[in-house]
Structures are given as C-alpha cells and as structure tokens.
C-alpha cells in the first residue's frame, strides 16, 4: 500500500498542466506595451453625431433612478405593513377564540 502511495506522489506532479510561455507572450502581457489603434478602431471609437439624440442625459437618468428607488421602498414598506396587519389580526382572533373557549367551558 505504501508503495502505491509513493508511486502516485511521483506521478501527480508530472500530470499537472504547465502553460508554456514564450518570450513574445511575456512581452505582450507587460503593462507598458501599447499599440496605437488603427484608423478603423479610431473611426469606431469616434463620437457619432447621429446617435447623440439617443444618449440619455445624466439628470434624467438620476431622477428616474431616484423615482425607482422611492417606488421600491414604498412597495416594500407596504408589504411589511400588510404582513404586520395580518399578524396582529391573527393574534386578535386567537385571543377572541381563547376568551370564547374559556367562557364556554365555564358555562358547561
């Protein structure tokens, strides 16, 4: 048994994958390496005046987000209130049932 354990310990490190890196891969991954974009990339990154009317305005988006947040809070508060009211009503119904049960047993 010990022989098998020793054998697997010598085999496992050889089975692990080792990425083979070349000098070019290391050079490309360096942070200081930069290639200037070509004319096609520059054209794609340039602002398009036709699309400017579809861009959202920051103030409008901020207002819409705030309205959404307020609506979310209102809905969550309403749900919590409904749960609270149901729980209170259930407790009152249990108390009523106990009172009626105790008066019925006293009368019998």
Protein backbone atom coordinates (compact mmCIF):
# COMPACT_ATOMS: atom_id res chain seq x y z
CA UNK A 1 0.00 0.00 0.00
CA UNK A 2 2.81 2.38 0.88
CA UNK A 3 4.40 1.54 -2.47
CA UNK A 4 1.28 2.74 -4.32
CA UNK A 5 1.16 5.99 -2.36
CA UNK A 6 4.80 6.72 -3.14
CA UNK A 7 4.21 5.89 -6.79
CA UNK A 8 1.24 8.28 -7.11
CA UNK A 9 3.17 11.08 -5.40
CA UNK A 10 5.84 10.89 -8.07
CA UNK A 11 3.35 10.72 -10.96
CA UNK A 12 0.97 13.53 -9.95
CA UNK A 13 3.38 16.45 -10.41
CA UNK A 14 4.05 15.31 -13.98
CA UNK A 15 0.33 15.25 -14.81
CA UNK A 16 -0.26 18.87 -13.84
CA UNK A 17 -0.60 21.19 -16.80
CA UNK A 18 2.11 23.74 -17.21
CA UNK A 19 1.42 26.65 -19.53
CA UNK A 20 4.22 27.09 -21.99
CA UNK A 21 5.11 30.74 -22.30
CA UNK A 22 7.29 32.18 -24.91
CA UNK A 23 9.19 35.41 -24.81
CA UNK A 24 6.55 37.06 -27.05
CA UNK A 25 3.71 36.15 -24.70
CA UNK A 26 5.57 37.70 -21.80
CA UNK A 27 6.29 40.84 -23.82
CA UNK A 28 2.60 41.25 -24.76
CA UNK A 29 1.40 40.83 -21.20
CA UNK A 30 3.56 43.64 -19.85
CA UNK A 31 1.61 46.69 -18.81
CA UNK A 32 3.82 49.22 -20.56
CA UNK A 33 3.36 47.65 -24.00
CA UNK A 34 0.99 49.76 -26.09
CA UNK A 35 -0.10 49.65 -29.72
CA UNK A 36 -1.65 52.71 -31.28
CA UNK A 37 -5.16 51.99 -32.64
CA UNK A 38 -5.51 51.93 -36.39
CA UNK A 39 -7.81 54.10 -38.49
CA UNK A 40 -10.70 51.62 -38.28
CA UNK A 41 -10.52 51.46 -34.48
CA UNK A 42 -10.33 55.25 -34.28
CA UNK A 43 -13.40 55.56 -36.52
CA UNK A 44 -15.31 53.11 -34.35
CA UNK A 45 -14.38 54.95 -31.16
CA UNK A 46 -15.20 58.41 -32.52
CA UNK A 47 -18.48 60.00 -31.34
CA UNK A 48 -21.29 59.68 -33.87
CA UNK A 49 -23.48 62.82 -34.17
CA UNK A 50 -26.44 60.76 -35.47
CA UNK A 51 -26.60 58.81 -32.21
CA UNK A 52 -26.38 61.87 -29.96
CA UNK A 53 -30.17 62.25 -29.71
CA UNK A 54 -30.46 58.73 -28.26
CA UNK A 55 -27.99 59.35 -25.45
CA UNK A 56 -29.53 59.63 -22.03
CA UNK A 57 -29.00 62.75 -20.03
CA UNK A 58 -27.44 62.34 -16.61
CA UNK A 59 -30.06 64.40 -14.78
CA UNK A 60 -32.94 62.47 -16.33
CA UNK A 61 -31.35 59.13 -15.55
CA UNK A 62 -30.59 60.20 -11.99
CA UNK A 63 -34.20 61.35 -11.48
CA UNK A 64 -35.55 58.10 -12.92
CA UNK A 65 -33.30 56.05 -10.65
CA UNK A 66 -34.46 58.06 -7.63
CA UNK A 67 -38.11 57.51 -8.58
CA UNK A 68 -37.43 53.80 -8.94
CA UNK A 69 -35.75 53.69 -5.53
CA UNK A 70 -38.65 55.53 -3.89
CA UNK A 71 -41.20 53.21 -5.52
CA UNK A 72 -39.23 50.18 -4.35
CA UNK A 73 -39.15 51.48 -0.79
CA UNK A 74 -42.89 52.23 -0.88
CA UNK A 75 -43.73 48.75 -2.15
CA UNK A 76 -41.50 47.04 0.44
CA UNK A 77 -42.98 49.19 3.22
CA UNK A 78 -46.49 48.35 2.04
CA UNK A 79 -45.70 44.63 2.06
CA UNK A 80 -44.23 44.85 5.56
CA UNK A 81 -47.33 46.73 6.76
CA UNK A 82 -49.64 44.11 5.27
CA UNK A 83 -47.69 41.32 6.96
CA UNK A 84 -47.85 43.20 10.27
CA UNK A 85 -51.61 43.79 9.98
CA UNK A 86 -52.26 40.12 9.16
CA UNK A 87 -50.18 39.02 12.16
CA UNK A 88 -51.98 41.41 14.53
CA UNK A 89 -55.37 40.31 13.23
CA UNK A 90 -54.42 36.66 13.66
CA UNK A 91 -53.31 37.29 17.25
CA UNK A 92 -56.57 39.14 17.99
CA UNK A 93 -58.57 36.25 16.52
CA UNK A 94 -56.65 33.78 18.71
CA UNK A 95 -57.33 35.91 21.80
CA UNK A 96 -61.05 36.06 20.89
CA UNK A 97 -61.10 32.29 20.43
CA UNK A 98 -59.42 31.77 23.82
CA UNK A 99 -61.90 34.08 25.53
CA UNK A 100 -64.86 32.35 23.89
CA UNK A 101 -63.38 28.95 24.71
CA UNK A 102 -62.84 29.85 28.34
CA UNK A 103 -66.38 31.28 28.74
CA UNK A 104 -67.88 28.20 27.09
CA UNK A 105 -66.03 25.86 29.47
CA UNK A 106 -67.16 27.93 32.48
CA UNK A 107 -70.79 27.73 31.39
CA UNK A 108 -70.69 23.97 30.91
